Full PDB file with SEQRES, HELIX, SHEET, SSBOND, CRYST1, ORIGX, SCALE, CONECT and MASTER records, all heavy atoms in Angstrom:
SEQRES   1 A   34  SER ILE PHE SER ILE ASN ALA MET GLY TRP TYR ARG GLN          
SEQRES   2 A   34  ALA PRO GLY LYS GLN ARG GLU LEU VAL ALA THR ARG GLY          
SEQRES   3 A   34  SER ASP GLY SER THR LEU TYR ALA                              
SHEET    1 AA1 3 MET A   8  ARG A  12  0                                        
SHEET    2 AA1 3 GLU A  20  ARG A  25 -1                                        
SHEET    3 AA1 3 THR A  31  TYR A  33 -1                                        
CRYST1    1.000    1.000    1.000  90.00  90.00  90.00 P 1           1          
ORIGX1      1.000000  0.000000  0.000000        0.00000                         
ORIGX2      0.000000  1.000000  0.000000        0.00000                         
ORIGX3      0.000000  0.000000  1.000000        0.00000                         
SCALE1      1.000000  0.000000  0.000000        0.00000                         
SCALE2      0.000000  1.000000  0.000000        0.00000                         
SCALE3      0.000000  0.000000  1.000000        0.00000                         
ATOM      1  N   SER A   1      34.403  64.261 -65.789  1.00  0.00           N  
ATOM      2  CA  SER A   1      34.905  62.896 -65.710  1.00  0.00           C  
ATOM      3  C   SER A   1      35.943  62.751 -64.606  1.00  0.00           C  
ATOM      4  O   SER A   1      36.607  63.716 -64.221  1.00  0.00           O  
ATOM      5  CB  SER A   1      35.501  62.471 -67.046  1.00  0.00           C  
ATOM      6  OG  SER A   1      36.655  63.227 -67.346  1.00  0.00           O  
ATOM      7  N   ILE A   2      36.096  61.527 -64.119  1.00  0.00           N  
ATOM      8  CA  ILE A   2      37.073  61.196 -63.093  1.00  0.00           C  
ATOM      9  C   ILE A   2      37.940  60.065 -63.607  1.00  0.00           C  
ATOM     10  O   ILE A   2      37.440  59.077 -64.142  1.00  0.00           O  
ATOM     11  CB  ILE A   2      36.402  60.781 -61.776  1.00  0.00           C  
ATOM     12  CG1 ILE A   2      35.521  61.908 -61.243  1.00  0.00           C  
ATOM     13  CG2 ILE A   2      37.447  60.392 -60.743  1.00  0.00           C  
ATOM     14  CD1 ILE A   2      34.724  61.526 -60.019  1.00  0.00           C  
ATOM     15  N   PHE A   3      39.243  60.220 -63.459  1.00  0.00           N  
ATOM     16  CA  PHE A   3      40.151  59.183 -63.909  1.00  0.00           C  
ATOM     17  C   PHE A   3      41.349  59.097 -62.977  1.00  0.00           C  
ATOM     18  O   PHE A   3      41.680  60.045 -62.268  1.00  0.00           O  
ATOM     19  CB  PHE A   3      40.609  59.445 -65.357  1.00  0.00           C  
ATOM     20  CG  PHE A   3      41.336  60.747 -65.546  1.00  0.00           C  
ATOM     21  CD1 PHE A   3      42.712  60.808 -65.474  1.00  0.00           C  
ATOM     22  CD2 PHE A   3      40.636  61.912 -65.802  1.00  0.00           C  
ATOM     23  CE1 PHE A   3      43.386  62.002 -65.657  1.00  0.00           C  
ATOM     24  CE2 PHE A   3      41.299  63.117 -65.986  1.00  0.00           C  
ATOM     25  CZ  PHE A   3      42.669  63.165 -65.907  1.00  0.00           C  
ATOM     26  N   SER A   4      41.997  57.936 -63.005  1.00  0.00           N  
ATOM     27  CA  SER A   4      43.170  57.676 -62.178  1.00  0.00           C  
ATOM     28  C   SER A   4      44.327  57.282 -63.080  1.00  0.00           C  
ATOM     29  O   SER A   4      44.181  56.415 -63.939  1.00  0.00           O  
ATOM     30  CB  SER A   4      42.882  56.570 -61.169  1.00  0.00           C  
ATOM     31  OG  SER A   4      44.023  56.275 -60.393  1.00  0.00           O  
ATOM     32  N   ILE A   5      45.470  57.916 -62.876  1.00  0.00           N  
ATOM     33  CA  ILE A   5      46.648  57.654 -63.680  1.00  0.00           C  
ATOM     34  C   ILE A   5      47.678  56.904 -62.859  1.00  0.00           C  
ATOM     35  O   ILE A   5      48.028  57.317 -61.754  1.00  0.00           O  
ATOM     36  CB  ILE A   5      47.256  58.959 -64.224  1.00  0.00           C  
ATOM     37  CG1 ILE A   5      46.250  59.683 -65.116  1.00  0.00           C  
ATOM     38  CG2 ILE A   5      48.543  58.672 -64.987  1.00  0.00           C  
ATOM     39  CD1 ILE A   5      46.746  61.007 -65.640  1.00  0.00           C  
ATOM     40  N   ASN A   6      48.139  55.800 -63.395  1.00  0.00           N  
ATOM     41  CA  ASN A   6      49.205  55.042 -62.770  1.00  0.00           C  
ATOM     42  C   ASN A   6      50.556  55.621 -63.214  1.00  0.00           C  
ATOM     43  O   ASN A   6      51.043  56.586 -62.641  1.00  0.00           O  
ATOM     44  CB  ASN A   6      49.084  53.564 -63.123  1.00  0.00           C  
ATOM     45  CG  ASN A   6      50.061  52.703 -62.355  1.00  0.00           C  
ATOM     46  OD1 ASN A   6      50.905  53.200 -61.609  1.00  0.00           O  
ATOM     47  ND2 ASN A   6      49.961  51.395 -62.539  1.00  0.00           N  
ATOM     48  N   ALA A   7      51.129  55.051 -64.247  1.00  0.00           N  
ATOM     49  CA  ALA A   7      52.413  55.528 -64.731  1.00  0.00           C  
ATOM     50  C   ALA A   7      52.233  56.549 -65.850  1.00  0.00           C  
ATOM     51  O   ALA A   7      51.265  56.491 -66.613  1.00  0.00           O  
ATOM     52  CB  ALA A   7      53.267  54.364 -65.219  1.00  0.00           C  
ATOM     53  N   MET A   8      53.162  57.467 -65.946  1.00  0.00           N  
ATOM     54  CA  MET A   8      53.244  58.391 -67.062  1.00  0.00           C  
ATOM     55  C   MET A   8      54.665  58.362 -67.594  1.00  0.00           C  
ATOM     56  O   MET A   8      55.609  58.142 -66.834  1.00  0.00           O  
ATOM     57  CB  MET A   8      52.871  59.815 -66.658  1.00  0.00           C  
ATOM     58  CG  MET A   8      51.442  59.977 -66.181  1.00  0.00           C  
ATOM     59  SD  MET A   8      50.979  61.718 -65.921  1.00  0.00           S  
ATOM     60  CE  MET A   8      50.769  62.259 -67.632  1.00  0.00           C  
ATOM     61  N   GLY A   9      54.794  58.568 -68.887  1.00  0.00           N  
ATOM     62  CA  GLY A   9      56.119  58.510 -69.457  1.00  0.00           C  
ATOM     63  C   GLY A   9      56.238  59.223 -70.782  1.00  0.00           C  
ATOM     64  O   GLY A   9      55.266  59.760 -71.318  1.00  0.00           O  
ATOM     65  N   TRP A  10      57.467  59.218 -71.269  1.00  0.00           N  
ATOM     66  CA  TRP A  10      57.795  59.835 -72.541  1.00  0.00           C  
ATOM     67  C   TRP A  10      58.437  58.819 -73.459  1.00  0.00           C  
ATOM     68  O   TRP A  10      59.304  58.038 -73.044  1.00  0.00           O  
ATOM     69  CB  TRP A  10      58.760  61.015 -72.347  1.00  0.00           C  
ATOM     70  CG  TRP A  10      58.147  62.183 -71.637  1.00  0.00           C  
ATOM     71  CD1 TRP A  10      58.159  62.448 -70.309  1.00  0.00           C  
ATOM     72  CD2 TRP A  10      57.412  63.253 -72.248  1.00  0.00           C  
ATOM     73  NE1 TRP A  10      57.482  63.612 -70.036  1.00  0.00           N  
ATOM     74  CE2 TRP A  10      57.017  64.129 -71.209  1.00  0.00           C  
ATOM     75  CE3 TRP A  10      57.056  63.554 -73.555  1.00  0.00           C  
ATOM     76  CZ2 TRP A  10      56.282  65.293 -71.455  1.00  0.00           C  
ATOM     77  CZ3 TRP A  10      56.326  64.704 -73.798  1.00  0.00           C  
ATOM     78  CH2 TRP A  10      55.954  65.560 -72.750  1.00  0.00           C  
ATOM     79  N   TYR A  11      58.011  58.852 -74.707  1.00  0.00           N  
ATOM     80  CA  TYR A  11      58.588  58.049 -75.769  1.00  0.00           C  
ATOM     81  C   TYR A  11      58.992  58.977 -76.898  1.00  0.00           C  
ATOM     82  O   TYR A  11      58.539  60.120 -76.967  1.00  0.00           O  
ATOM     83  CB  TYR A  11      57.583  57.014 -76.279  1.00  0.00           C  
ATOM     84  CG  TYR A  11      57.233  55.934 -75.282  1.00  0.00           C  
ATOM     85  CD1 TYR A  11      56.470  56.213 -74.158  1.00  0.00           C  
ATOM     86  CD2 TYR A  11      57.667  54.622 -75.474  1.00  0.00           C  
ATOM     87  CE1 TYR A  11      56.148  55.227 -73.239  1.00  0.00           C  
ATOM     88  CE2 TYR A  11      57.342  53.626 -74.566  1.00  0.00           C  
ATOM     89  CZ  TYR A  11      56.587  53.933 -73.454  1.00  0.00           C  
ATOM     90  OH  TYR A  11      56.270  52.949 -72.554  1.00  0.00           O  
ATOM     91  N   ARG A  12      59.851  58.491 -77.775  1.00  0.00           N  
ATOM     92  CA  ARG A  12      60.241  59.304 -78.915  1.00  0.00           C  
ATOM     93  C   ARG A  12      60.416  58.426 -80.140  1.00  0.00           C  
ATOM     94  O   ARG A  12      60.692  57.238 -80.047  1.00  0.00           O  
ATOM     95  CB  ARG A  12      61.529  60.077 -78.634  1.00  0.00           C  
ATOM     96  CG  ARG A  12      62.779  59.223 -78.487  1.00  0.00           C  
ATOM     97  CD  ARG A  12      63.969  60.070 -78.086  1.00  0.00           C  
ATOM     98  NE  ARG A  12      65.199  59.297 -77.960  1.00  0.00           N  
ATOM     99  CZ  ARG A  12      66.343  59.776 -77.494  1.00  0.00           C  
ATOM    100  NH1 ARG A  12      66.434  61.049 -77.112  1.00  0.00           N  
ATOM    101  NH2 ARG A  12      67.409  58.984 -77.421  1.00  0.00           N  
ATOM    102  N   GLN A  13      60.248  59.045 -81.296  1.00  0.00           N  
ATOM    103  CA  GLN A  13      60.420  58.356 -82.560  1.00  0.00           C  
ATOM    104  C   GLN A  13      61.169  59.264 -83.518  1.00  0.00           C  
ATOM    105  O   GLN A  13      60.677  60.327 -83.895  1.00  0.00           O  
ATOM    106  CB  GLN A  13      59.073  57.947 -83.150  1.00  0.00           C  
ATOM    107  CG  GLN A  13      59.197  57.081 -84.390  1.00  0.00           C  
ATOM    108  CD  GLN A  13      57.892  56.418 -84.776  1.00  0.00           C  
ATOM    109  OE1 GLN A  13      56.819  56.849 -84.357  1.00  0.00           O  
ATOM    110  NE2 GLN A  13      57.968  55.377 -85.568  1.00  0.00           N  
ATOM    111  N   ALA A  14      62.360  58.838 -83.884  1.00  0.00           N  
ATOM    112  CA  ALA A  14      63.170  59.562 -84.841  1.00  0.00           C  
ATOM    113  C   ALA A  14      62.864  59.061 -86.247  1.00  0.00           C  
ATOM    114  O   ALA A  14      62.384  57.935 -86.423  1.00  0.00           O  
ATOM    115  CB  ALA A  14      64.654  59.382 -84.523  1.00  0.00           C  
ATOM    116  N   PRO A  15      63.143  59.876 -87.263  1.00  0.00           N  
ATOM    117  CA  PRO A  15      62.893  59.442 -88.638  1.00  0.00           C  
ATOM    118  C   PRO A  15      63.595  58.134 -88.957  1.00  0.00           C  
ATOM    119  O   PRO A  15      64.789  57.976 -88.707  1.00  0.00           O  
ATOM    120  CB  PRO A  15      63.454  60.598 -89.475  1.00  0.00           C  
ATOM    121  CG  PRO A  15      63.368  61.789 -88.578  1.00  0.00           C  
ATOM    122  CD  PRO A  15      63.652  61.257 -87.201  1.00  0.00           C  
ATOM    123  N   GLY A  16      62.852  57.180 -89.490  1.00  0.00           N  
ATOM    124  CA  GLY A  16      63.413  55.903 -89.867  1.00  0.00           C  
ATOM    125  C   GLY A  16      63.653  54.944 -88.722  1.00  0.00           C  
ATOM    126  O   GLY A  16      64.216  53.868 -88.942  1.00  0.00           O  
ATOM    127  N   LYS A  17      63.247  55.303 -87.514  1.00  0.00           N  
ATOM    128  CA  LYS A  17      63.470  54.457 -86.355  1.00  0.00           C  
ATOM    129  C   LYS A  17      62.155  54.106 -85.669  1.00  0.00           C  
ATOM    130  O   LYS A  17      61.132  54.749 -85.882  1.00  0.00           O  
ATOM    131  CB  LYS A  17      64.403  55.134 -85.348  1.00  0.00           C  
ATOM    132  CG  LYS A  17      65.823  55.342 -85.839  1.00  0.00           C  
ATOM    133  CD  LYS A  17      66.704  55.892 -84.732  1.00  0.00           C  
ATOM    134  CE  LYS A  17      68.141  56.030 -85.177  1.00  0.00           C  
ATOM    135  NZ  LYS A  17      68.999  56.545 -84.072  1.00  0.00           N  
ATOM    136  N   GLN A  18      62.198  53.064 -84.848  1.00  0.00           N  
ATOM    137  CA  GLN A  18      61.045  52.669 -84.063  1.00  0.00           C  
ATOM    138  C   GLN A  18      60.843  53.623 -82.888  1.00  0.00           C  
ATOM    139  O   GLN A  18      61.792  54.266 -82.427  1.00  0.00           O  
ATOM    140  CB  GLN A  18      61.219  51.246 -83.531  1.00  0.00           C  
ATOM    141  CG  GLN A  18      61.343  50.172 -84.603  1.00  0.00           C  
ATOM    142  CD  GLN A  18      61.521  48.791 -84.000  1.00  0.00           C  
ATOM    143  OE1 GLN A  18      61.555  48.630 -82.782  1.00  0.00           O  
ATOM    144  NE2 GLN A  18      61.625  47.798 -84.846  1.00  0.00           N  
ATOM    145  N   ARG A  19      59.608  53.693 -82.422  1.00  0.00           N  
ATOM    146  CA  ARG A  19      59.347  54.463 -81.228  1.00  0.00           C  
ATOM    147  C   ARG A  19      59.989  53.769 -80.032  1.00  0.00           C  
ATOM    148  O   ARG A  19      59.879  52.552 -79.862  1.00  0.00           O  
ATOM    149  CB  ARG A  19      57.838  54.615 -81.010  1.00  0.00           C  
ATOM    150  CG  ARG A  19      57.474  55.530 -79.863  1.00  0.00           C  
ATOM    151  CD  ARG A  19      55.961  55.769 -79.800  1.00  0.00           C  
ATOM    152  NE  ARG A  19      55.454  56.398 -81.006  1.00  0.00           N  
ATOM    153  CZ  ARG A  19      54.207  56.804 -81.169  1.00  0.00           C  
ATOM    154  NH1 ARG A  19      53.329  56.651 -80.184  1.00  0.00           N  
ATOM    155  NH2 ARG A  19      53.831  57.356 -82.313  1.00  0.00           N  
ATOM    156  N   GLU A  20      60.672  54.531 -79.196  1.00  0.00           N  
ATOM    157  CA  GLU A  20      61.382  53.971 -78.061  1.00  0.00           C  
ATOM    158  C   GLU A  20      61.028  54.707 -76.779  1.00  0.00           C  
ATOM    159  O   GLU A  20      60.677  55.887 -76.783  1.00  0.00           O  
ATOM    160  CB  GLU A  20      62.894  54.036 -78.287  1.00  0.00           C  
ATOM    161  CG  GLU A  20      63.446  55.454 -78.379  1.00  0.00           C  
ATOM    162  CD  GLU A  20      64.953  55.501 -78.497  1.00  0.00           C  
ATOM    163  OE1 GLU A  20      65.605  54.455 -78.322  1.00  0.00           O  
ATOM    164  OE2 GLU A  20      65.491  56.602 -78.754  1.00  0.00           O  
ATOM    165  N   LEU A  21      61.148  53.988 -75.685  1.00  0.00           N  
ATOM    166  CA  LEU A  21      60.905  54.583 -74.383  1.00  0.00           C  
ATOM    167  C   LEU A  21      62.068  55.495 -74.009  1.00  0.00           C  
ATOM    168  O   LEU A  21      63.228  55.141 -74.166  1.00  0.00           O  
ATOM    169  CB  LEU A  21      60.730  53.494 -73.318  1.00  0.00           C  
ATOM    170  CG  LEU A  21      60.415  53.973 -71.898  1.00  0.00           C  
ATOM    171  CD1 LEU A  21      59.464  53.006 -71.213  1.00  0.00           C  
ATOM    172  CD2 LEU A  21      61.687  54.108 -71.070  1.00  0.00           C  
ATOM    173  N   VAL A  22      61.735  56.669 -73.501  1.00  0.00           N  
ATOM    174  CA  VAL A  22      62.730  57.624 -73.030  1.00  0.00           C  
ATOM    175  C   VAL A  22      62.796  57.587 -71.509  1.00  0.00           C  
ATOM    176  O   VAL A  22      63.862  57.410 -70.926  1.00  0.00           O  
ATOM    177  CB  VAL A  22      62.427  59.050 -73.509  1.00  0.00           C  
ATOM    178  CG1 VAL A  22      63.444  60.044 -72.942  1.00  0.00           C  
ATOM    179  CG2 VAL A  22      62.420  59.105 -75.033  1.00  0.00           C  
ATOM    180  N   ALA A  23      61.654  57.768 -70.859  1.00  0.00           N  
ATOM    181  CA  ALA A  23      61.602  57.779 -69.410  1.00  0.00           C  
ATOM    182  C   ALA A  23      60.181  57.551 -68.947  1.00  0.00           C  
ATOM    183  O   ALA A  23      59.232  57.969 -69.608  1.00  0.00           O  
ATOM    184  CB  ALA A  23      62.129  59.106 -68.846  1.00  0.00           C  
ATOM    185  N   THR A  24      60.023  56.888 -67.814  1.00  0.00           N  
ATOM    186  CA  THR A  24      58.716  56.700 -67.198  1.00  0.00           C  
ATOM    187  C   THR A  24      58.805  57.028 -65.714  1.00  0.00           C  
ATOM    188  O   THR A  24      59.868  56.914 -65.100  1.00  0.00           O  
ATOM    189  CB  THR A  24      58.177  55.276 -67.363  1.00  0.00           C  
ATOM    190  OG1 THR A  24      59.067  54.346 -66.729  1.00  0.00           O  
ATOM    191  CG2 THR A  24      58.027  54.919 -68.831  1.00  0.00           C  
ATOM    192  N   ARG A  25      57.664  57.400 -65.159  1.00  0.00           N  
ATOM    193  CA  ARG A  25      57.584  57.680 -63.731  1.00  0.00           C  
ATOM    194  C   ARG A  25      56.275  57.118 -63.194  1.00  0.00           C  
ATOM    195  O   ARG A  25      55.197  57.443 -63.690  1.00  0.00           O  
ATOM    196  CB  ARG A  25      57.675  59.172 -63.442  1.00  0.00           C  
ATOM    197  CG  ARG A  25      57.784  59.502 -61.956  1.00  0.00           C  
ATOM    198  CD  ARG A  25      58.012  60.980 -61.737  1.00  0.00           C  
ATOM    199  NE  ARG A  25      58.139  61.312 -60.327  1.00  0.00           N  
ATOM    200  CZ  ARG A  25      59.284  61.336 -59.655  1.00  0.00           C  
ATOM    201  NH1 ARG A  25      60.425  61.071 -60.290  1.00  0.00           N  
ATOM    202  NH2 ARG A  25      59.306  61.648 -58.373  1.00  0.00           N  
ATOM    203  N   GLY A  26      56.384  56.261 -62.188  1.00  0.00           N  
ATOM    204  CA  GLY A  26      55.211  55.672 -61.584  1.00  0.00           C  
ATOM    205  C   GLY A  26      54.566  56.600 -60.580  1.00  0.00           C  
ATOM    206  O   GLY A  26      55.131  57.632 -60.193  1.00  0.00           O  
ATOM    207  N   SER A  27      53.382  56.239 -60.151  1.00  0.00           N  
ATOM    208  CA  SER A  27      52.682  57.040 -59.160  1.00  0.00           C  
ATOM    209  C   SER A  27      53.396  57.049 -57.819  1.00  0.00           C  
ATOM    210  O   SER A  27      53.181  57.964 -57.011  1.00  0.00           O  
ATOM    211  CB  SER A  27      51.246  56.533 -58.982  1.00  0.00           C  
ATOM    212  OG  SER A  27      51.230  55.186 -58.558  1.00  0.00           O  
ATOM    213  N   ASP A  28      54.245  56.047 -57.571  1.00  0.00           N  
ATOM    214  CA  ASP A  28      55.013  55.984 -56.334  1.00  0.00           C  
ATOM    215  C   ASP A  28      56.333  56.738 -56.416  1.00  0.00           C  
ATOM    216  O   ASP A  28      57.116  56.715 -55.463  1.00  0.00           O  
ATOM    217  CB  ASP A  28      55.279  54.529 -55.945  1.00  0.00           C  
ATOM    218  CG  ASP A  28      56.078  53.772 -56.991  1.00  0.00           C  
ATOM    219  OD1 ASP A  28      56.351  54.340 -58.065  1.00  0.00           O  
ATOM    220  OD2 ASP A  28      56.432  52.605 -56.735  1.00  0.00           O  
ATOM    221  N   GLY A  29      56.599  57.384 -57.540  1.00  0.00           N  
ATOM    222  CA  GLY A  29      57.814  58.148 -57.708  1.00  0.00           C  
ATOM    223  C   GLY A  29      58.959  57.397 -58.345  1.00  0.00           C  
ATOM    224  O   GLY A  29      60.019  57.994 -58.588  1.00  0.00           O  
ATOM    225  N   SER A  30      58.787  56.129 -58.609  1.00  0.00           N  
ATOM    226  CA  SER A  30      59.841  55.348 -59.246  1.00  0.00           C  
ATOM    227  C   SER A  30      60.055  55.830 -60.674  1.00  0.00           C  
ATOM    228  O   SER A  30      59.111  56.273 -61.339  1.00  0.00           O  
ATOM    229  CB  SER A  30      59.502  53.869 -59.226  1.00  0.00           C  
ATOM    230  OG  SER A  30      58.302  53.617 -59.938  1.00  0.00           O  
ATOM    231  N   THR A  31      61.290  55.736 -61.139  1.00  0.00           N  
ATOM    232  CA  THR A  31      61.626  56.207 -62.476  1.00  0.00           C  
ATOM    233  C   THR A  31      62.421  55.166 -63.238  1.00  0.00           C  
ATOM    234  O   THR A  31      63.088  54.311 -62.652  1.00  0.00           O  
ATOM    235  CB  THR A  31      62.437  57.508 -62.427  1.00  0.00           C  
ATOM    236  OG1 THR A  31      63.638  57.292 -61.676  1.00  0.00           O  
ATOM    237  CG2 THR A  31      61.632  58.614 -61.774  1.00  0.00           C  
ATOM    238  N   LEU A  32      62.336  55.261 -64.546  1.00  0.00           N  
ATOM    239  CA  LEU A  32      63.091  54.398 -65.434  1.00  0.00           C  
ATOM    240  C   LEU A  32      63.527  55.235 -66.624  1.00  0.00           C  
ATOM    241  O   LEU A  32      62.703  55.939 -67.227  1.00  0.00           O  
ATOM    242  CB  LEU A  32      62.249  53.209 -65.897  1.00  0.00           C  
ATOM    243  CG  LEU A  32      62.889  52.267 -66.920  1.00  0.00           C  
ATOM    244  CD1 LEU A  32      64.077  51.541 -66.298  1.00  0.00           C  
ATOM    245  CD2 LEU A  32      61.868  51.267 -67.440  1.00  0.00           C  
ATOM    246  N   TYR A  33      64.812  55.165 -66.970  1.00  0.00           N  
ATOM    247  CA  TYR A  33      65.359  55.935 -68.067  1.00  0.00           C  
ATOM    248  C   TYR A  33      66.030  55.034 -69.079  1.00  0.00           C  
ATOM    249  O   TYR A  33      66.634  54.017 -68.726  1.00  0.00           O  
ATOM    250  CB  TYR A  33      66.394  56.948 -67.577  1.00  0.00           C  
ATOM    251  CG  TYR A  33      65.843  58.049 -66.705  1.00  0.00           C  
ATOM    252  CD1 TYR A  33      65.824  57.918 -65.326  1.00  0.00           C  
ATOM    253  CD2 TYR A  33      65.369  59.230 -67.267  1.00  0.00           C  
ATOM    254  CE1 TYR A  33      65.333  58.928 -64.518  1.00  0.00           C  
ATOM    255  CE2 TYR A  33      64.875  60.239 -66.469  1.00  0.00           C  
ATOM    256  CZ  TYR A  33      64.858  60.089 -65.097  1.00  0.00           C  
ATOM    257  OH  TYR A  33      64.375  61.103 -64.296  1.00  0.00           O  
ATOM    258  N   ALA A  34      65.937  55.427 -70.335  1.00  0.00           N  
ATOM    259  CA  ALA A  34      66.732  54.778 -71.353  1.00  0.00           C  
ATOM    260  C   ALA A  34      68.212  55.079 -71.110  1.00  0.00           C  
ATOM    261  O   ALA A  34      68.560  56.169 -70.648  1.00  0.00           O  
ATOM    262  CB  ALA A  34      66.326  55.261 -72.742  1.00  0.00           C  
TER     263      ALA A  34                                                      
MASTER        0    0    0    0    3    0    0    6  262    1    0    3          
END                                                                             
């Protein structure tokens, strides 16, 4: 198979809490952090 990935990131979910974004990184190298 062949696939293309745009952004990749990490999320986390603690007990009793909602899943939240931790960090993302775009294909252009841009980043976003909690």
